Amino acid sequence: MDAAAVTTKRRLPAGRKAELAAYVAESGQVTVVDLASHFGVSIDTVRRDLDQLDREGIVVRTHGGAVSAMSVPGRDRGLDVRLQMQISEKERIAALAVELIEDGSVLMLNAGTTTLAVARALRNHRNLTIATNNLRIPAEISPSVFRDLFIFGGAVRTITQATTGPVTLAMTSNTTEVDIRCDYAIIAVGAVDASGYSTSNLGDATMMSEMIQRADRTVILADSSKLDRRLFAQVTPLERADYLVTDAPPSPDLSAALSEAGVTVLTP
């Protein structure tokens, strides 16, 4: 057995399942036999992993294998899976997005792995005020970057490791909610087409829309796999964004729609 196979077999189950789910998502459709061979584990182990991932809504179990959850609109994938998908694309998007941000800015960031990449890419910025519903950002962003960091309250969605609720902040339980504004809303979406920006979850869409309403400028983040697609819940029309940051040029039709809406497209 070669070193790569030994390493694969020794991975922790949670890590293997995340990689397995990412492999299914990237392949579209796979068989149990293929997965067992690829990851160097038994067919029974693969079946158990797929059964659990199907219960979590991360893949769709089929007879003899699984298909990507992307083929079934509205099914969310876990954060640990999405962290392993389009990694380089997200890093390039993040690097472009942070070039728009001046030191001392006030930012709102929504949940998602692309906004998490933005938080990491802000490492050279200073004196930012950041408000987010992304529960991973406090652990990922350097304390030297921000002056103040706020987390919006609400119900916790464990699959996305984020809160869903009103875009409001109260300093104490005895005060009314403070009206808040930001310089930039940095919003990662699930899909972009000529009708606008969308996502699979209604609560997330409502929260993202409210962040945008409170922003002077809106930066939409979407890797190229999300272009020319539409999901269940509309976030906002195309023209509400100032920038779309993606990793590859949009199709001619979508480019024309974005240009007509006055959206600046940024690509590496």
Protein backbone atom coordinates (compact mmCIF):
# COMPACT_ATOMS: atom_id res chain seq x y z
CA MET A 1 0.00 0.00 0.00
CA ASP A 2 1.42 3.40 -0.95
CA ALA A 3 1.78 6.35 1.44
CA ALA A 4 -1.26 8.17 0.04
CA ALA A 5 -3.50 5.19 0.68
CA VAL A 6 -2.19 4.81 4.24
CA THR A 7 -2.84 8.51 4.89
CA THR A 8 -6.37 8.20 3.52
CA LYS A 9 -7.17 5.23 5.74
CA ARG A 10 -5.89 6.97 8.85
CA ARG A 11 -7.99 10.09 8.41
CA LEU A 12 -10.57 10.80 11.07
CA PRO A 13 -14.09 9.70 10.01
CA ALA A 14 -15.45 13.28 10.07
CA GLY A 15 -12.68 14.43 7.75
CA ARG A 16 -13.21 11.47 5.43
CA LYS A 17 -16.93 12.08 5.23
CA ALA A 18 -16.37 15.74 4.41
CA GLU A 19 -13.94 14.81 1.64
CA LEU A 20 -16.30 12.11 0.41
CA ALA A 21 -19.18 14.57 0.21
CA ALA A 22 -17.01 17.11 -1.61
CA TYR A 23 -15.96 14.39 -4.08
CA VAL A 24 -19.60 13.50 -4.75
CA ALA A 25 -20.48 17.17 -5.23
CA GLU A 26 -17.65 17.69 -7.71
CA SER A 27 -18.28 14.42 -9.58
CA GLY A 28 -22.05 14.84 -9.76
CA GLN A 29 -22.80 11.12 -9.47
CA VAL A 30 -20.72 8.25 -8.07
CA THR A 31 -21.09 4.62 -7.08
CA VAL A 32 -20.32 3.05 -3.73
CA VAL A 33 -17.66 0.89 -5.39
CA ASP A 34 -15.93 3.94 -6.89
CA LEU A 35 -15.94 5.75 -3.54
CA ALA A 36 -14.57 2.74 -1.67
CA SER A 37 -11.74 2.45 -4.18
CA HIS A 38 -11.00 6.18 -4.23
CA PHE A 39 -10.84 6.56 -0.43
CA GLY A 40 -9.34 3.16 0.38
CA VAL A 41 -12.15 2.11 2.74
CA SER A 42 -14.71 -0.70 2.75
CA ILE A 43 -17.99 -0.61 0.87
CA ASP A 44 -19.88 -0.90 4.18
CA THR A 45 -18.03 2.17 5.51
CA VAL A 46 -18.94 4.16 2.39
CA ARG A 47 -22.57 3.11 2.69
CA ARG A 48 -22.74 4.25 6.31
CA ASP A 49 -21.10 7.55 5.42
CA LEU A 50 -23.50 8.13 2.53
CA ASP A 51 -26.51 7.26 4.67
CA GLN A 52 -25.46 9.81 7.28
CA LEU A 53 -24.67 12.48 4.68
CA ASP A 54 -28.07 11.91 3.09
CA ARG A 55 -29.79 12.35 6.48
CA GLU A 56 -27.90 15.62 6.90
CA GLY A 57 -29.03 16.80 3.47
CA ILE A 58 -25.48 16.95 2.12
CA VAL A 59 -25.76 14.30 -0.64
CA VAL A 60 -28.70 12.46 -2.16
CA ARG A 61 -28.53 8.69 -1.67
CA THR A 62 -29.32 6.53 -4.68
CA HIS A 63 -29.36 2.80 -5.29
CA GLY A 64 -25.70 1.84 -5.41
CA GLY A 65 -24.27 5.29 -4.82
CA ALA A 66 -25.10 8.97 -4.44
CA VAL A 67 -25.62 12.12 -6.47
CA SER A 68 -24.61 15.68 -5.80
CA ALA A 69 -27.01 17.69 -3.65
CA MET A 70 -26.53 20.49 -6.20
CA SER A 71 -28.79 18.50 -8.53
CA VAL A 72 -31.62 18.78 -5.98
CA PRO A 73 -32.50 22.47 -5.49
CA GLY A 74 -32.99 23.64 -1.93
CA ARG A 75 -30.84 21.07 -0.14
CA ASP A 76 -28.08 22.62 1.95
CA ARG A 77 -24.64 21.13 2.28
CA GLY A 78 -22.76 21.22 5.56
CA LEU A 79 -20.09 23.83 6.15
CA ASP A 80 -17.34 21.23 6.50
CA VAL A 81 -18.15 20.01 2.99
CA ARG A 82 -18.37 23.45 1.44
CA LEU A 83 -15.04 24.43 2.99
CA GLN A 84 -13.41 21.83 0.72
CA MET A 85 -15.13 22.93 -2.47
CA GLN A 86 -13.80 25.59 -4.89
CA ILE A 87 -11.07 26.49 -2.41
CA SER A 88 -8.79 28.33 -4.83
CA GLU A 89 -11.75 30.09 -6.47
CA LYS A 90 -12.94 31.41 -3.11
CA GLU A 91 -9.47 32.60 -2.22
CA ARG A 92 -9.17 34.52 -5.49
CA ILE A 93 -12.61 36.05 -4.97
CA ALA A 94 -11.69 37.07 -1.42
CA ALA A 95 -8.43 38.65 -2.55
CA LEU A 96 -10.33 40.82 -5.05
CA ALA A 97 -13.11 41.73 -2.64
CA VAL A 98 -10.82 43.01 0.12
CA GLU A 99 -9.17 45.41 -2.33
CA LEU A 100 -12.44 47.36 -2.27
CA ILE A 101 -12.32 47.85 1.51
CA GLU A 102 -10.62 50.82 3.12
CA ASP A 103 -9.21 50.74 6.64
CA GLY A 104 -11.75 52.03 9.16
CA SER A 105 -14.74 50.77 7.15
CA VAL A 106 -17.90 49.29 8.64
CA LEU A 107 -18.74 45.89 7.14
CA MET A 108 -21.59 43.41 7.27
CA LEU A 109 -20.77 39.87 6.18
CA ASN A 110 -23.25 37.06 5.84
CA ALA A 111 -22.72 33.37 6.49
CA GLY A 112 -20.79 31.16 4.11
CA THR A 113 -17.39 29.83 3.19
CA THR A 114 -16.65 32.61 0.70
CA THR A 115 -17.23 35.33 3.29
CA LEU A 116 -15.07 33.28 5.65
CA ALA A 117 -12.33 33.48 3.02
CA VAL A 118 -12.85 37.26 2.92
CA ALA A 119 -12.45 37.47 6.70
CA ARG A 120 -9.11 35.69 6.42
CA ALA A 121 -8.03 37.89 3.50
CA LEU A 122 -8.61 41.05 5.59
CA ARG A 123 -5.48 40.27 7.63
CA ASN A 124 -3.68 43.45 6.48
CA HIS A 125 -6.64 45.75 7.18
CA ARG A 126 -7.03 47.72 10.39
CA ASN A 127 -9.68 49.46 12.48
CA LEU A 128 -12.66 47.74 10.85
CA THR A 129 -16.09 47.42 12.43
CA ILE A 130 -17.61 44.07 11.46
CA ALA A 131 -21.11 42.73 12.03
CA THR A 132 -21.97 39.22 10.88
CA ASN A 133 -24.16 36.18 11.40
CA ASN A 134 -21.24 33.91 10.50
CA LEU A 135 -20.30 32.10 13.70
CA ARG A 136 -16.94 30.99 12.30
CA ILE A 137 -15.60 34.49 11.65
CA PRO A 138 -14.63 35.38 15.26
CA ALA A 139 -12.31 32.37 15.37
CA GLU A 140 -10.88 32.95 11.90
CA ILE A 141 -10.22 36.69 11.76
CA SER A 142 -7.17 38.28 13.35
CA PRO A 143 -7.92 40.56 16.35
CA SER A 144 -5.58 43.15 14.82
CA VAL A 145 -8.04 43.66 11.95
CA PHE A 146 -11.07 44.98 13.78
CA ARG A 147 -11.97 47.64 16.28
CA ASP A 148 -15.37 46.08 17.02
CA LEU A 149 -16.87 42.72 16.07
CA PHE A 150 -20.58 41.98 16.48
CA ILE A 151 -22.60 38.80 15.96
CA PHE A 152 -26.28 39.10 15.03
CA GLY A 153 -28.53 37.03 17.27
CA GLY A 154 -31.16 34.57 16.20
CA ALA A 155 -31.69 30.88 15.69
CA VAL A 156 -28.50 28.91 15.08
CA ARG A 157 -28.40 26.77 11.94
CA THR A 158 -25.81 24.14 12.76
CA ILE A 159 -25.42 23.00 9.15
CA THR A 160 -24.19 26.47 8.14
CA GLN A 161 -22.78 27.50 11.55
CA ALA A 162 -24.65 30.79 11.37
CA THR A 163 -27.52 32.61 13.00
CA THR A 164 -30.75 33.51 11.25
CA GLY A 165 -32.72 36.44 12.59
CA PRO A 166 -33.14 40.21 12.43
CA VAL A 167 -30.22 42.42 11.43
CA THR A 168 -30.33 44.37 14.68
CA LEU A 169 -28.11 44.98 17.71
CA ALA A 170 -28.98 46.07 21.25
CA MET A 171 -26.26 47.08 23.69
CA THR A 172 -28.22 45.95 26.76
CA SER A 173 -31.49 44.15 27.42
CA ASN A 174 -33.05 47.42 28.63
CA THR A 175 -32.36 49.49 25.51
CA THR A 176 -34.15 49.63 22.22
CA GLU A 177 -32.49 48.20 19.16
CA VAL A 178 -29.97 50.51 17.55
CA ASP A 179 -30.42 51.50 13.93
CA ILE A 180 -27.27 50.33 12.17
CA ARG A 181 -25.70 51.13 8.81
CA CYS A 182 -22.56 49.93 7.08
CA ASP A 183 -20.20 51.05 4.35
CA TYR A 184 -20.18 47.64 2.69
CA ALA A 185 -22.45 44.61 2.74
CA ILE A 186 -20.31 41.68 1.59
CA ILE A 187 -22.77 38.98 0.64
CA ALA A 188 -22.07 35.47 -0.63
CA VAL A 189 -25.01 34.10 -2.59
CA GLY A 190 -25.96 30.66 -3.86
CA ALA A 191 -26.90 31.65 -7.38
CA VAL A 192 -26.88 34.53 -9.86
CA ASP A 193 -28.98 34.90 -12.99
CA ALA A 194 -30.60 37.73 -14.94
CA SER A 195 -33.40 38.01 -12.36
CA GLY A 196 -30.99 38.66 -9.50
CA TYR A 197 -29.24 36.95 -6.60
CA SER A 198 -30.76 34.00 -4.78
CA THR A 199 -30.15 31.34 -2.14
CA SER A 200 -31.77 28.09 -1.03
CA ASN A 201 -33.02 29.17 2.41
CA LEU A 202 -35.78 31.71 2.93
CA GLY A 203 -34.50 32.91 6.31
CA ASP A 204 -31.02 33.44 4.93
CA ALA A 205 -32.40 35.37 1.97
CA THR A 206 -34.36 37.68 4.26
CA MET A 207 -31.31 38.37 6.40
CA MET A 208 -29.06 38.96 3.39
CA SER A 209 -31.60 41.35 1.89
CA GLU A 210 -31.76 43.35 5.10
CA MET A 211 -27.96 43.60 5.26
CA ILE A 212 -27.99 44.98 1.72
CA GLN A 213 -30.68 47.53 2.61
CA ARG A 214 -28.48 48.84 5.41
CA ALA A 215 -25.38 49.22 3.22
CA ASP A 216 -24.03 52.14 1.23
CA ARG A 217 -22.38 49.69 -1.17
CA THR A 218 -23.01 46.02 -1.82
CA VAL A 219 -20.41 43.46 -2.91
CA ILE A 220 -21.86 40.15 -4.09
CA LEU A 221 -19.59 37.08 -3.99
CA ALA A 222 -20.26 34.03 -6.17
CA ASP A 223 -17.89 31.53 -7.73
CA SER A 224 -18.51 30.66 -11.36
CA SER A 225 -20.37 27.42 -10.52
CA LYS A 226 -23.19 29.62 -9.17
CA LEU A 227 -23.62 31.77 -12.26
CA ASP A 228 -26.63 31.33 -14.56
CA ARG A 229 -28.48 29.50 -11.81
CA ARG A 230 -31.49 30.38 -9.67
CA LEU A 231 -32.40 29.01 -6.26
CA PHE A 232 -35.57 29.06 -4.18
CA ALA A 233 -35.38 32.42 -2.41
CA GLN A 234 -34.65 35.71 -4.14
CA VAL A 235 -32.26 37.97 -2.20
CA THR A 236 -32.36 41.11 -4.33
CA PRO A 237 -32.44 42.15 -8.01
CA LEU A 238 -29.20 42.53 -9.97
CA GLU A 239 -29.19 46.33 -9.85
CA ARG A 240 -29.08 46.47 -6.05
CA ALA A 241 -25.44 45.35 -6.04
CA ASP A 242 -22.50 47.59 -6.87
CA TYR A 243 -20.04 44.75 -7.51
CA LEU A 244 -20.14 41.08 -8.41
CA VAL A 245 -16.85 39.37 -7.55
CA THR A 246 -16.37 35.99 -9.19
CA ASP A 247 -13.52 33.78 -10.42
CA ALA A 248 -14.36 33.68 -14.15
CA PRO A 249 -16.18 35.93 -16.63
CA PRO A 250 -19.96 35.41 -16.69
CA SER A 251 -21.70 34.13 -19.82
CA PRO A 252 -22.50 36.72 -22.52
CA ASP A 253 -26.17 36.85 -21.56
CA LEU A 254 -25.48 37.30 -17.85
CA SER A 255 -22.72 39.82 -18.59
CA ALA A 256 -25.19 41.88 -20.62
CA ALA A 257 -27.76 41.76 -17.82
CA LEU A 258 -25.19 42.80 -15.22
CA SER A 259 -23.95 45.65 -17.40
CA GLU A 260 -27.49 46.91 -17.94
CA ALA A 261 -28.06 46.77 -14.16
CA GLY A 262 -24.94 48.87 -13.57
CA VAL A 263 -23.04 46.13 -11.73
CA THR A 264 -19.25 46.14 -11.94
CA VAL A 265 -17.92 42.60 -12.43
CA LEU A 266 -14.52 41.84 -10.91
CA THR A 267 -12.58 38.71 -11.93
CA PRO A 268 -8.93 37.69 -11.41
